[in-house]
Protein backbone atom coordinates (compact mmCIF):
# COMPACT_ATOMS: atom_id res chain seq x y z
CA MET A 1 12.63 20.48 -22.17
CA GLY A 2 10.60 23.27 -23.43
CA ASN A 3 9.51 26.18 -21.12
CA PRO A 4 11.44 27.12 -18.04
CA PHE A 5 10.53 24.85 -15.15
CA LEU A 6 10.33 26.00 -11.47
CA ASN A 7 12.45 23.51 -9.48
CA ARG A 8 12.67 25.40 -6.14
CA MET A 9 10.97 28.13 -4.26
CA SER A 10 11.80 29.95 -1.12
CA LEU A 11 10.29 32.88 0.85
CA ASN A 12 12.02 34.83 3.73
CA ARG A 13 10.43 34.81 7.17
CA GLU A 14 9.34 38.42 6.77
CA ARG A 15 7.69 37.72 3.33
CA THR A 16 9.47 40.57 1.69
CA SER A 17 11.38 38.50 -0.72
CA MET A 18 11.09 35.26 -2.79
CA VAL A 19 13.71 33.18 -4.60
CA LEU A 20 12.75 31.10 -7.63
CA CYS A 21 15.13 28.52 -9.05
CA TYR A 22 14.59 26.98 -12.58
CA ASP A 23 15.69 23.78 -14.31
CA ASP A 24 18.30 25.80 -16.38
CA GLN A 25 20.07 26.43 -13.04
CA THR A 26 19.22 30.12 -12.90
CA CYS A 27 17.84 31.65 -9.74
CA GLU A 28 15.90 34.83 -9.39
CA TRP A 29 15.41 37.12 -6.26
CA CYS A 30 11.92 38.63 -6.32
CA GLU A 31 10.94 41.45 -4.15
CA LEU A 32 7.43 41.25 -2.70
CA ASP A 33 4.76 43.91 -1.53
CA ASP A 34 2.47 43.44 1.44
CA ALA A 35 0.05 41.30 -0.73
CA GLY A 36 2.64 39.14 -2.09
CA ASP A 37 2.94 40.69 -5.70
CA VAL A 38 6.25 40.78 -7.38
CA GLN A 39 7.77 44.38 -7.41
CA GLY A 40 11.33 43.68 -8.75
CA VAL A 41 13.33 40.69 -9.99
CA HIS A 42 17.24 40.32 -9.84
CA CYS A 43 19.19 37.30 -11.20
CA PHE A 44 22.07 36.21 -9.09
CA SER A 45 23.03 32.74 -10.46
CA GLY A 46 25.70 33.69 -12.90
CA HIS A 47 28.59 32.61 -10.43
CA TRP A 48 27.63 28.87 -10.88
CA THR A 49 25.98 28.80 -14.34
CA GLU A 50 29.23 29.95 -15.88
CA ARG A 51 30.96 26.93 -14.42
CA GLY A 52 28.21 24.37 -15.45
CA GLN A 53 27.19 23.56 -11.77
CA THR A 54 23.87 22.28 -10.94
CA VAL A 55 21.78 23.48 -7.99
CA GLN A 56 20.88 21.18 -5.25
CA HIS A 57 19.48 23.38 -2.54
CA VAL A 58 18.51 27.15 -2.25
CA GLN A 59 16.92 28.85 0.58
CA PHE A 60 16.80 32.22 2.57
CA ILE A 61 19.00 32.09 5.71
CA GLY A 62 18.10 35.60 6.76
CA THR A 63 15.84 38.55 5.71
CA ASP A 64 18.33 39.55 2.96
CA GLN A 65 20.58 36.59 2.85
CA VAL A 66 20.27 33.41 0.43
CA ALA A 67 22.45 30.29 0.53
CA ALA A 68 22.68 27.99 -2.40
CA ILE A 69 24.42 24.49 -2.55
CA THR A 70 25.69 23.41 -6.05
CA LEU A 71 27.29 20.37 -7.42
CA GLU A 72 30.16 20.37 -9.98
CA LYS A 73 31.05 16.76 -10.93
CA THR A 74 31.84 15.23 -7.45
CA GLU A 75 32.42 18.42 -5.50
CA ARG A 76 29.76 20.61 -3.69
CA TRP A 77 29.80 24.29 -3.07
CA ILE A 78 28.09 26.88 -0.95
CA TYR A 79 27.21 30.25 -2.14
CA VAL A 80 26.07 32.95 0.35
CA PHE A 81 24.45 36.11 -1.16
CA GLN A 82 23.53 39.50 0.51
CA LYS A 83 20.88 41.95 -0.91
CA GLU A 84 21.55 45.69 -0.31
CA ARG A 85 19.01 48.02 -1.90
CA GLU A 86 19.11 47.16 -5.61
CA ARG A 87 22.26 45.19 -5.46
CA ILE A 88 22.92 41.45 -4.77
CA SER A 89 26.53 40.60 -3.86
CA MET A 90 28.24 37.30 -3.05
CA MET A 91 29.42 37.25 0.59
CA GLN A 92 31.04 33.81 0.74
CA VAL A 93 31.98 30.66 -1.25
CA LEU A 94 32.76 27.51 0.49
CA SER A 95 33.77 24.10 -0.34
CA LEU A 96 31.28 21.68 1.35
CA LYS A 97 33.02 18.69 2.63
CA LEU A 98 29.92 17.24 4.46
CA PRO A 99 28.95 14.06 2.46
CA PHE A 100 25.54 13.69 3.76
CA PRO A 101 22.12 15.17 2.64
CA VAL A 102 21.50 18.80 3.72
CA MET A 103 17.92 19.41 4.85
CA GLN A 104 18.00 23.05 5.83
CA MET A 105 20.56 26.01 6.37
CA ALA A 106 20.55 28.95 8.73
CA TRP A 107 22.69 32.05 9.58
CA GLN A 108 22.93 32.17 13.26
CA ASP A 109 25.18 34.12 15.63
CA GLY A 110 27.34 35.11 12.66
CA GLN A 111 27.91 31.56 11.32
CA LEU A 112 26.30 29.42 8.73
CA LEU A 113 24.82 26.16 9.98
CA LEU A 114 23.61 23.26 7.95
CA LEU A 115 20.95 20.77 9.38
CA PHE A 116 21.86 17.22 7.98
CA ALA A 117 20.80 13.56 8.48
CA VAL A 118 22.78 10.37 8.41
CA ARG A 119 21.45 6.87 8.07
CA HIS A 120 23.63 4.44 9.92
CA ARG A 121 24.21 0.84 8.96
CA SER A 122 21.71 -0.25 11.57
CA GLY A 123 19.01 1.64 9.71
CA LEU A 124 18.65 4.28 12.27
CA VAL A 125 18.76 7.87 11.48
CA GLN A 126 20.53 10.70 13.33
CA ILE A 127 20.19 14.43 12.88
CA GLY A 128 23.02 16.98 13.44
CA LEU A 129 24.20 20.42 12.64
CA TYR A 130 27.36 21.19 10.62
CA ASP A 131 29.46 24.32 10.60
CA PRO A 132 31.10 24.43 7.08
CA VAL A 133 33.64 27.02 8.00
CA GLN A 134 35.00 25.16 11.01
CA GLU A 135 34.14 21.78 9.39
CA LYS A 136 32.53 20.62 12.72
CA ALA A 137 29.48 18.62 13.31
CA GLU A 138 27.24 18.34 16.36
CA TRP A 139 24.67 15.66 16.94
CA VAL A 140 21.15 17.27 17.93
CA THR A 141 19.29 13.90 18.27
CA PRO A 142 20.15 10.41 19.36
CA GLU A 143 19.80 7.57 16.75
CA LEU A 144 16.10 7.39 15.71
CA ASP A 145 14.02 4.66 13.96
CA ASN A 146 12.42 6.36 10.81
CA PRO A 147 12.20 10.06 12.17
CA GLN A 148 10.14 12.73 10.38
CA PHE A 149 11.81 16.09 10.51
CA VAL A 150 9.16 18.62 11.21
CA PHE A 151 10.62 22.10 12.01
CA TRP A 152 13.83 24.01 12.96
CA ALA A 153 13.13 26.81 15.28
CA LYS A 154 16.32 28.92 14.92
CA PRO A 155 15.71 31.63 17.76
CA GLU A 156 14.84 28.99 20.26
CA ARG A 157 17.61 26.55 19.04
CA GLU A 158 15.05 23.75 18.73
CA ILE A 159 14.44 21.02 16.29
CA GLY A 160 11.24 18.98 16.08
CA VAL A 161 11.16 15.41 15.16
CA ASN A 162 8.30 12.79 15.04
CA VAL A 163 8.90 9.07 15.57
CA GLY A 164 6.17 6.41 15.76
CA GLY A 165 3.37 9.00 16.31
CA VAL A 166 5.25 10.73 19.20
CA GLY A 167 6.64 14.26 18.93
CA SER A 168 10.00 15.23 20.43
CA VAL A 169 11.74 18.72 20.31
CA TYR A 170 15.47 18.72 20.80
CA PHE A 171 17.71 21.59 21.94
CA TYR A 172 21.17 22.44 20.79
CA GLY A 173 23.63 24.80 22.32
CA LYS A 174 25.63 27.76 21.01
CA ASP A 175 28.88 25.73 20.84
CA THR A 176 28.78 23.43 17.80
CA GLY A 177 31.04 20.43 18.21
CA SER A 178 30.00 19.79 21.83
CA SER A 179 28.15 16.47 20.74
CA ARG A 180 25.45 16.87 23.25
CA GLU A 181 22.21 14.95 23.12
CA ILE A 182 19.46 16.82 24.99
CA PRO A 183 15.81 15.88 24.56
CA TYR A 184 14.01 19.08 25.33
CA GLN A 185 10.34 17.98 25.34
CA GLU A 186 8.22 14.98 24.42
CA TYR A 187 4.63 15.02 23.32
CA ALA A 188 2.05 12.44 23.11
CA TYR A 189 1.14 13.62 19.47
CA PRO A 190 3.32 14.39 16.51
CA VAL A 191 4.53 17.89 16.66
CA MET A 192 4.00 20.06 13.50
CA ASP A 193 5.09 23.63 14.32
CA LYS A 194 6.28 25.75 17.31
CA GLN A 195 6.14 29.56 17.74
CA GLY A 196 7.16 31.01 21.05
CA ASP A 197 5.50 28.87 23.79
CA ARG A 198 2.81 27.49 21.44
CA ILE A 199 3.21 24.22 19.72
CA ALA A 200 0.93 22.72 16.95
CA VAL A 201 0.31 18.95 17.10
CA CYS A 202 -1.32 16.47 14.77
CA ILE A 203 -4.24 14.39 16.51
CA PRO A 204 -4.88 10.94 14.95
CA VAL A 205 -8.63 10.34 14.81
CA GLU A 206 -10.78 7.61 13.39
CA ASP A 207 -11.10 9.00 9.94
CA GLY A 208 -7.76 10.65 9.64
CA PHE A 209 -5.87 13.59 11.44
CA CYS A 210 -7.08 16.80 13.04
CA PRO A 211 -5.06 19.85 14.30
CA GLY A 212 -4.47 20.68 17.85
CA TRP A 213 -2.40 23.22 19.75
CA MET A 214 -1.11 23.76 23.26
CA SER A 215 0.95 25.80 25.44
CA VAL A 216 4.31 24.39 26.49
CA GLN A 217 3.72 25.13 30.16
CA GLU A 218 0.08 23.69 30.40
CA HIS A 219 0.48 20.57 28.38
CA VAL A 220 -3.35 20.62 27.58
CA VAL A 221 -4.20 20.07 24.00
CA GLN A 222 -6.82 22.53 22.58
CA CYS A 223 -9.01 21.19 19.68
CA ASN A 224 -12.60 21.23 18.97
CA LEU A 225 -12.88 17.91 17.29
CA GLU A 226 -16.77 17.99 16.88
CA HIS A 227 -16.51 20.94 14.38
CA ILE A 228 -13.43 19.89 12.41
CA GLU A 229 -13.43 17.72 9.48
CA PRO A 230 -10.36 15.42 9.54
CA PHE A 231 -7.65 15.51 6.92
CA SER A 232 -6.87 12.28 5.26
CA GLU A 233 -3.30 13.54 5.34
CA LEU A 234 -2.29 16.39 7.47
CA ILE A 235 0.91 17.64 5.80
CA ARG A 236 1.80 20.91 7.50
CA MET A 237 0.51 23.35 10.26
CA GLN A 238 1.61 26.93 10.52
CA LEU A 239 1.00 28.87 13.76
CA ASP A 240 0.44 32.58 13.63
CA VAL A 241 0.67 33.59 17.26
CA ASP A 242 0.23 37.23 16.59
CA GLY A 243 -3.03 36.81 14.75
CA GLN A 244 -4.06 33.83 16.98
CA HIS A 245 -4.43 31.60 13.90
CA ILE A 246 -3.38 28.23 12.80
CA LEU A 247 -3.17 27.33 9.09
CA CYS A 248 -3.48 23.67 8.25
CA GLU A 249 -2.36 22.11 4.88
CA GLY A 250 -3.23 18.69 3.75
CA ILE A 251 -5.24 16.32 1.72
CA MET A 252 -9.09 15.60 1.94
CA ARG A 253 -10.83 13.24 -0.41
CA GLY A 254 -8.12 13.42 -2.86
CA LYS A 255 -7.86 17.10 -3.02
CA TRP A 256 -5.10 19.56 -1.57
CA ARG A 257 -6.65 21.89 0.88
CA TYR A 258 -6.00 24.84 3.33
CA VAL A 259 -8.04 25.45 6.37
CA GLN A 260 -7.43 28.27 8.71
CA TYR A 261 -8.76 28.16 12.34
CA LYS A 262 -8.67 30.60 15.29
CA LEU A 263 -6.97 29.19 18.27
CA ASP A 264 -10.34 28.90 19.91
CA GLY A 265 -11.29 26.34 17.25
CA GLU A 266 -13.41 28.54 14.86
CA LYS A 267 -12.89 27.99 11.14
CA THR A 268 -12.16 31.23 9.36
CA PHE A 269 -11.09 30.28 5.88
CA GLU A 270 -11.09 27.11 3.70
CA LEU A 271 -9.43 26.68 0.34
CA CYS A 272 -10.99 23.55 -1.34
CA ASP A 273 -12.32 22.11 -4.69
CA TYR A 274 -10.41 24.49 -6.81
CA PRO A 275 -8.84 23.54 -10.11
CA GLY A 276 -5.13 22.67 -9.73
CA THR A 277 -3.11 22.21 -6.53
CA LEU A 278 -1.45 24.93 -4.36
CA THR A 279 1.38 23.67 -2.09
CA GLN A 280 3.99 24.97 0.27
CA ALA A 281 1.87 28.20 0.72
CA VAL A 282 2.75 30.75 3.43
CA TYR A 283 1.00 33.85 4.60
CA SER A 284 1.91 37.08 2.78
CA ARG A 285 3.29 40.08 4.93
CA ASP A 286 -0.22 41.50 5.30
CA LYS A 287 -1.57 37.92 6.14
CA GLN A 288 -4.56 38.50 3.79
CA ASN A 289 -3.04 36.02 1.06
CA LEU A 290 -1.33 32.83 0.64
CA ILE A 291 1.73 32.66 -1.46
CA GLY A 292 2.66 29.22 -2.77
CA LYS A 293 3.59 26.89 -5.63
CA PHE A 294 0.64 26.19 -8.02
CA GLU A 295 0.28 23.58 -10.58
CA SER A 296 -2.34 21.59 -12.53
CA ILE A 297 -2.30 18.52 -14.63
CA THR A 298 -1.15 20.60 -17.64
CA THR A 299 0.44 23.50 -15.88
CA ALA A 300 4.00 23.22 -14.66
CA PRO A 301 4.70 24.68 -11.15
CA VAL A 302 4.43 28.61 -11.06
CA PRO A 303 4.47 30.95 -8.08
CA ALA A 304 0.82 32.11 -7.22
CA ARG A 305 -1.24 33.74 -4.49
CA CYS A 306 -4.71 33.34 -3.10
CA ARG A 307 -6.99 35.76 -1.18
CA ILE A 308 -7.71 34.22 2.20
CA SER A 309 -11.15 36.06 2.24
CA GLU A 310 -12.34 34.18 -0.82
CA SER A 311 -13.52 30.73 0.31
CA PHE A 312 -13.08 28.86 -2.87
CA GLY A 313 -9.93 30.63 -3.93
CA ASP A 314 -9.31 32.91 -6.79
CA ILE A 315 -5.72 31.60 -7.30
CA THR A 316 -3.60 34.10 -9.32
CA PRO A 317 -0.25 33.40 -10.74
CA LEU A 318 2.29 36.03 -9.77
CA ALA A 319 3.59 38.28 -12.48
CA VAL A 320 7.04 36.77 -13.12
CA ARG A 321 9.00 36.54 -16.15
CA HIS A 322 11.75 34.16 -16.89
CA GLY A 323 13.75 35.01 -19.88
CA ASP A 324 11.28 35.98 -22.62
CA VAL A 325 8.49 33.91 -21.14
CA SER A 326 5.71 35.15 -18.76
CA VAL A 327 5.28 32.32 -16.28
CA SER A 328 1.56 33.30 -15.84
CA ASN A 329 0.90 32.53 -19.45
CA LEU A 330 1.70 28.93 -19.02
CA VAL A 331 -1.32 28.21 -16.89
CA LYS A 332 -3.78 25.76 -18.66
CA TRP A 333 -7.01 24.17 -17.48
CA PRO A 334 -7.72 20.64 -18.67
CA GLU A 335 -11.08 18.94 -18.51
CA THR A 336 -10.88 16.81 -15.33
CA LYS A 337 -13.76 14.86 -13.86
CA TYR A 338 -13.64 13.16 -10.46
CA LYS A 339 -15.40 9.87 -10.41
CA HIS A 340 -15.59 6.72 -8.32
CA LEU A 341 -16.10 2.98 -9.17
CA ARG A 342 -17.58 0.37 -6.78
CA TYR A 343 -15.29 -2.58 -6.06
CA GLY A 344 -17.10 -4.73 -3.49
CA ASP A 345 -17.56 -2.58 -0.47
CA VAL A 346 -14.94 -0.10 -1.54
CA SER A 347 -15.31 3.08 -3.59
CA ILE A 348 -12.27 3.41 -6.09
CA PRO A 349 -11.54 7.07 -6.94
CA TYR A 350 -10.14 8.04 -10.29
CA MET A 351 -9.64 11.14 -12.46
CA ASP A 352 -11.20 11.10 -15.98
CA ILE A 353 -9.15 13.63 -18.06
CA HIS A 354 -10.13 14.60 -21.58
CA SER A 355 -12.98 12.26 -21.68
CA GLU A 356 -14.68 13.63 -24.83
CA GLY A 357 -13.66 13.11 -28.43
CA GLU A 358 -10.84 10.70 -27.68
CA GLU A 359 -9.57 7.97 -29.93
CA GLN A 360 -7.28 6.24 -27.38
CA ALA A 361 -7.18 5.52 -23.62
CA VAL A 362 -4.29 5.34 -21.22
CA ILE A 363 -4.55 4.35 -17.49
CA TYR A 364 -2.03 6.40 -15.54
CA LEU A 365 -0.61 4.85 -12.37
CA HIS A 366 1.19 7.01 -9.80
CA GLY A 367 4.06 5.80 -7.70
CA GLY A 368 4.26 5.28 -3.94
CA PRO A 369 2.42 2.96 -3.24
CA HIS A 370 1.16 5.59 -0.90
CA ASN A 371 1.23 8.63 -3.07
CA CYS A 372 -1.95 10.23 -4.43
CA LEU A 373 -2.67 11.38 -7.87
CA LEU A 374 -3.60 14.95 -7.52
CA ASP A 375 -4.53 17.63 -10.01
CA SER A 376 -0.88 18.39 -10.22
CA TYR A 377 1.61 18.59 -12.97
CA SER A 378 2.32 15.64 -15.25
CA PRO A 379 4.06 16.36 -18.62
CA VAL A 380 2.97 12.85 -19.75
CA ILE A 381 -0.72 13.45 -19.28
CA ALA A 382 -0.39 17.01 -20.68
CA ARG A 383 1.04 15.58 -23.82
CA LEU A 384 -1.52 12.75 -24.06
CA CYS A 385 -4.34 15.43 -23.65
CA GLU A 386 -2.73 17.45 -26.52
CA THR A 387 -2.85 14.28 -28.87
CA GLY A 388 -6.51 13.58 -28.01
CA VAL A 389 -6.10 10.59 -25.70
CA ARG A 390 -8.32 9.89 -22.76
CA VAL A 391 -6.64 9.33 -19.42
CA ILE A 392 -7.80 7.60 -16.47
CA GLY A 393 -5.72 8.72 -13.42
CA LEU A 394 -6.32 5.88 -10.96
CA ASN A 395 -5.84 6.21 -7.26
CA TYR A 396 -5.67 2.63 -6.54
CA PRO A 397 -6.04 1.10 -3.05
CA GLY A 398 -3.11 2.05 -0.98
CA SER A 399 -3.29 5.68 -2.16
CA SER A 400 -3.11 8.50 0.43
CA GLY A 401 -5.88 11.05 0.73
CA PHE A 402 -8.85 8.81 1.09
CA GLY A 403 -8.75 7.85 4.66
CA PRO A 404 -6.46 5.39 6.63
CA ASP A 405 -8.49 2.31 5.86
CA TYR A 406 -8.08 2.85 2.11
CA LYS A 407 -4.29 3.58 2.51
CA GLN A 408 -3.75 0.37 4.49
CA ARG A 409 -5.84 -1.75 2.18
CA ILE A 410 -2.78 -3.12 0.46
CA GLN A 411 -0.93 -4.05 3.74
CA ASN A 412 0.65 -7.48 2.89
CA ASP A 413 -1.22 -7.48 -0.48
CA TRP A 414 1.14 -5.65 -2.96
CA GLY A 415 0.03 -6.75 -6.44
CA GLY A 416 -3.30 -8.08 -5.13
CA VAL A 417 -6.35 -5.72 -4.78
CA ASP A 418 -4.48 -2.98 -6.36
CA ALA A 419 -3.61 -4.74 -9.59
CA ASP A 420 -7.15 -6.25 -9.72
CA VAL A 421 -8.67 -2.81 -9.63
CA ILE A 422 -6.70 -1.95 -12.85
CA ARG A 423 -8.41 -4.81 -14.60
CA ILE A 424 -11.72 -3.69 -13.41
CA ILE A 425 -11.26 -0.20 -14.67
CA ARG A 426 -10.27 -1.58 -18.06
CA GLU A 427 -13.30 -3.77 -18.26
CA GLN A 428 -15.97 -1.67 -16.79
CA VAL A 429 -14.87 2.02 -17.61
CA LEU A 430 -13.03 1.48 -20.85
CA GLY A 431 -14.80 -1.74 -21.98
CA SER A 432 -15.69 -0.19 -25.34
CA TYR A 433 -12.05 0.47 -26.29
CA SER A 434 -10.30 -2.06 -28.49
CA ALA A 435 -6.84 -0.72 -27.42
CA VAL A 436 -5.97 0.62 -23.96
CA SER A 437 -2.45 1.34 -22.67
CA LEU A 438 -0.87 1.41 -19.22
CA TYR A 439 1.64 4.11 -17.95
CA GLY A 440 3.30 3.86 -14.53
CA VAL A 441 6.19 5.22 -12.53
CA SER A 442 7.89 3.46 -9.80
CA TYR A 443 5.44 1.39 -7.83
CA GLY A 444 2.92 2.37 -10.66
CA ALA A 445 5.29 0.91 -13.18
CA TYR A 446 5.48 -2.33 -11.06
CA LEU A 447 1.57 -2.52 -11.18
CA ALA A 448 1.62 -1.79 -14.92
CA LEU A 449 3.87 -4.68 -15.73
CA LEU A 450 2.16 -6.97 -13.30
CA ALA A 451 -1.37 -6.18 -14.75
CA ALA A 452 -0.07 -6.58 -18.29
CA GLY A 453 1.68 -9.79 -17.49
CA ARG A 454 -1.35 -11.36 -15.90
CA ASN A 455 -3.76 -10.32 -18.72
CA PRO A 456 -1.76 -9.35 -21.75
CA GLU A 457 -4.86 -9.47 -23.97
CA LEU A 458 -6.30 -6.50 -22.27
CA TRP A 459 -3.53 -4.15 -23.25
CA CYS A 460 -1.91 -2.94 -26.38
CA ALA A 461 1.09 -1.01 -24.94
CA VAL A 462 2.86 -0.47 -21.58
CA VAL A 463 5.34 2.16 -20.53
CA ALA A 464 6.97 1.30 -17.25
CA CYS A 465 9.37 3.90 -15.80
CA ALA A 466 11.76 3.20 -12.85
CA PRO A 467 9.91 -0.18 -11.90
CA PHE A 468 10.97 -2.97 -9.63
CA THR A 469 10.18 -6.39 -11.16
CA ASP A 470 11.24 -9.05 -8.48
CA LEU A 471 10.08 -8.61 -4.94
CA ASN A 472 12.19 -11.47 -3.64
CA SER A 473 15.54 -9.92 -4.94
CA LEU A 474 14.33 -6.39 -4.09
CA TYR A 475 14.23 -7.30 -0.38
CA ALA A 476 17.42 -9.49 -0.60
CA GLY A 477 19.49 -6.76 -2.16
CA GLY A 478 18.09 -3.84 -0.30
CA GLY A 479 19.69 -1.57 2.22
CA ALA A 480 18.52 -1.16 5.85
CA LYS A 481 15.94 1.46 4.87
CA LEU A 482 14.37 -0.41 2.11
CA ARG A 483 14.33 -3.79 4.01
CA SER A 484 12.68 -2.05 6.95
CA PHE A 485 10.00 -0.38 4.64
CA LEU A 486 9.27 -3.77 2.93
CA GLN A 487 8.98 -5.67 6.31
CA MET A 488 6.40 -2.92 7.36
CA GLU A 489 4.49 -3.19 4.11
CA ILE A 490 4.66 -6.94 2.89
CA GLY A 491 6.21 -8.59 5.86
CA GLY A 492 3.64 -11.51 5.52
CA LEU A 493 4.40 -11.93 1.90
CA LEU A 494 8.07 -12.27 2.53
CA GLN A 495 7.61 -15.64 4.33
CA ASP A 496 6.44 -17.38 1.09
CA GLU A 497 8.62 -17.37 -1.96
CA SER A 498 5.88 -18.79 -4.24
CA VAL A 499 3.65 -15.85 -3.33
CA LEU A 500 6.56 -13.25 -4.06
CA ARG A 501 7.00 -14.92 -7.41
CA GLU A 502 3.27 -14.73 -8.17
CA ARG A 503 3.36 -10.93 -7.26
CA SER A 504 6.49 -10.24 -9.36
CA PRO A 505 6.42 -8.97 -13.03
CA LEU A 506 9.51 -11.08 -13.79
CA THR A 507 7.49 -14.18 -13.56
CA TYR A 508 5.31 -13.01 -16.43
CA SER A 509 8.16 -12.19 -18.90
CA SER A 510 6.77 -14.59 -21.41
CA ALA A 511 3.25 -13.04 -21.41
CA LEU A 512 4.89 -9.49 -21.54
CA CYS A 513 6.17 -10.46 -25.15
CA ASN A 514 2.61 -10.03 -26.25
CA VAL A 515 2.33 -6.32 -25.49
CA ASP A 516 4.24 -3.27 -26.89
CA LEU A 517 6.63 -2.44 -23.97
CA GLN A 518 8.79 0.46 -23.27
CA LEU A 519 11.15 0.31 -20.07
CA VAL A 520 12.73 3.59 -18.80
CA HIS A 521 15.02 3.76 -15.88
CA GLY A 522 17.71 6.08 -14.40
CA ARG A 523 21.27 4.63 -14.19
CA ASN A 524 21.75 6.05 -10.70
CA ASP A 525 18.47 5.12 -9.19
CA GLN A 526 19.04 4.30 -5.53
CA LEU A 527 15.48 3.34 -4.68
CA CYS A 528 14.42 0.97 -7.51
CA PRO A 529 17.48 -0.88 -8.83
CA VAL A 530 18.05 -0.48 -12.66
CA GLU A 531 19.32 -4.01 -12.60
CA GLN A 532 15.74 -5.35 -12.03
CA THR A 533 14.54 -3.50 -15.30
CA GLU A 534 17.57 -4.76 -17.21
CA ARG A 535 16.94 -8.26 -16.07
CA LEU A 536 13.38 -8.18 -17.17
CA TYR A 537 14.28 -6.95 -20.49
CA GLN A 538 16.75 -9.62 -21.05
CA GLU A 539 14.28 -12.29 -20.02
CA ILE A 540 11.73 -10.93 -22.61
CA LEU A 541 14.31 -10.81 -25.32
CA LYS A 542 15.13 -14.47 -24.80
CA GLN A 543 11.48 -15.54 -24.92
CA LYS A 544 10.34 -13.36 -27.91
CA GLU A 545 11.07 -15.80 -30.55
CA PRO A 546 9.66 -19.01 -28.97
CA VAL A 547 6.36 -17.19 -28.25
CA LYS A 548 6.24 -15.74 -31.82
CA ALA A 549 5.98 -12.18 -30.66
CA ALA A 550 8.69 -10.69 -32.62
CA ASP A 551 6.33 -8.08 -34.20
CA ARG A 552 5.74 -6.53 -30.71
CA ARG A 553 7.91 -3.41 -29.93
CA LEU A 554 10.36 -3.77 -27.03
CA GLU A 555 12.39 -0.70 -25.94
CA LEU A 556 14.88 -0.20 -23.07
CA HIS A 557 16.01 3.34 -22.32
CA ILE A 558 18.64 3.75 -19.55
CA ILE A 559 19.31 7.32 -18.66
CA ASP A 560 22.75 8.24 -17.38
CA ASP A 561 23.09 10.30 -14.06
CA LEU A 562 19.38 10.09 -13.44
CA GLN A 563 18.17 9.19 -9.95
CA HIS A 564 14.73 8.49 -8.59
CA GLU A 565 13.67 12.13 -8.83
CA VAL A 566 10.38 14.01 -8.45
CA TYR A 567 9.25 15.41 -11.85
CA ALA A 568 11.66 13.09 -13.58
CA GLU A 569 9.06 12.10 -16.17
CA ARG A 570 9.70 15.27 -17.87
CA ILE A 571 12.84 13.77 -19.16
CA TRP A 572 11.17 10.98 -20.92
CA ALA A 573 7.65 12.38 -21.54
CA ALA A 574 8.08 12.93 -25.34
CA LYS A 575 9.60 9.46 -25.78
CA ALA A 576 6.81 7.74 -23.71
CA VAL A 577 3.89 9.52 -25.37
CA HIS A 578 5.36 8.80 -28.81
CA PHE A 579 5.41 5.11 -27.91
CA LEU A 580 1.85 5.21 -26.57
CA THR A 581 0.32 6.94 -29.53
CA ARG A 582 2.38 5.77 -32.38
CA ASN A 583 -0.35 3.61 -33.88
CA LYS A 584 -3.47 5.57 -33.09
CA VAL A 585 -6.92 3.83 -33.87
CA THR A 586 -10.47 4.76 -33.42
CA GLN A 587 -11.76 2.84 -30.53
CA ARG A 588 -15.51 3.53 -30.64
CA GLY A 589 -17.94 3.35 -33.53
C-alpha cells in the first residue's frame, strides 16, 4: 500500500518516550527530549512480525514499559517490553483468553491489568478489569446504557464514564476478582478528566459545549462562559494541575482546534485555522509544545509537534525515519477552500479541493452519519487530486462540528434533506460539468446510492464502499446496539414501511442500472452487513437487460477479512479512483 502508514501512537505519562506502530506491524520506541523532539529510535516488534501476527493494541503501561496485543489467526497474545538504557527486552508473553475488546492496559502493583467492555444481550454495556495471569475479571461498573468511557486514573483506582449527559467515577479495589460495584461519585455534567482532587467536566450550552472544572470537595463548577467560544464537539480535556492549566481539544466550525485556559478562565493559547488536522495531542515534557498525530487531505498520519506560544501553530513533523523513508518528507499541502451553500435557512459547509484546472468532479461523502469531513487524510481524495480531479467534500446536514442544530437536522429524516443537498450541490456548484461522480463510505455510500437512484441522469459513476441498502432489513436483522441506535435516529420512520422503502437504495435498483457502479465491502463487516451490498448487486444484475443498460459498468468487490475499519479506504483507493477516472472527459469549454 505504498509508504509506511502510522496506525497507532502512544506516549508515556512522563513524555520521555513515544511508540509508533505502522501498517507493516513494526513498532518503534522513540526517545524524546524536553521539547518532544526524537533523540533515538529502537525497533522492538521482531518477536511478532516473524510469526506473521497483526497488532491490535499498543500502549505504555509505565515509564519504560510497553504492552502490545497481537492476533495470530484466532489466538491473541500479550507482549510486555522493558527498556533499560539502550536495550529493550521482552519481559513477558501471555496468551490472552479474554474474548472481549480491550480498551486500555496498565501495570499496577506488580500486575498487568486490562480494561475491557462487554455488551450483554440486553444491549447494556458493562466495564471491567481483567488479570491475564490469574485469568480473573472484576466488574467495575454496573450495566450501563450506551456508556462513553472517559478516563482511567490508575493511581486513584478510578474509572470515569459518561451516560446520558451525566458523569460517574467508579472505584475498584486492589483485589481483582471481588466483583464489587462501587459508584464513587456522580456529577451533573459529563466528566472528561481527573487529576488529584480536580475534575474537568463538559458543560452543554445553546451552541455546543464549554469546558468547566471543579474540586471534588466543593462541587462548584468553575467556568467563565461569557468569554469562552463553545466547541461544536468537545472531544477531550486534559488537566495540568501543576501548571494550573486545562487543554481542550475539539471541533469548531468544522476545524479541529486546541484551546488552553488557566483555571481562572483566561485563554492562554489557541491552535486554529491551520492546514491539516492535529489530534490526540499531549503536552511535551517542558509543557511548551503539543505532541500529536498530524495529517492532511493528502498526508497520511505522522507524529508532529506544535509550539504552544505560537497562536496559529507552526506544526512541525518529528524527525522520524521508518526503513528508508523519512516520515516528515511525506507531508503535502493540497489546495483546499472552505465554502458554504445556502439551502433555505441553512448554510451547508463543504470543502472545494483542487478547484483549478480540473476536468472531472467527484462529490465525496463521509460516513457517520454524524462524522465530519475534516482536513484529514483520504487516500481517495489524494489520488483524485493527483489525476487532476476536482473534489467537493460535503458536510451534509447531520455532520458534527457545526453546532447541535445542524447535527440533529436529519433526526427521523435519513435520506431526506441530506440526500437533497447532494442534488443541490450537483446543480448549483457543479452545474457546468457534464459528468460528475459520487464516492461514499458507510452512511456516505448509502447517500451516494440513494442520490444516484433517485436522479441517475445527474451522475456518470458511483463508488459505494461498505454501504447499507435496505433500512427495513437493517433494523430487523440488527443486534441490540444497532437497533437501539436506529430507534434513536429514525424511530419515527420505522413505523412506516412505505417510507423506509422510499429511503432505501434497494428500491431504486432499476434506476441504478443507468450509472457506472462499483460496490466495495468487507466480508467481516459487523456494522453494515455485506449481505445488503450483495443483494443490491444481484437486483441490479437481474434488471440490467430489461432496461437496456448492459453498457454500464457494474463491479462488486468483496474483501476477505476486512471489517468496518478506520482508514480502510486505503485498501481500495487505487481501485476506486481508477473506476472514477477511467473515461476522463473535459467538462468545461
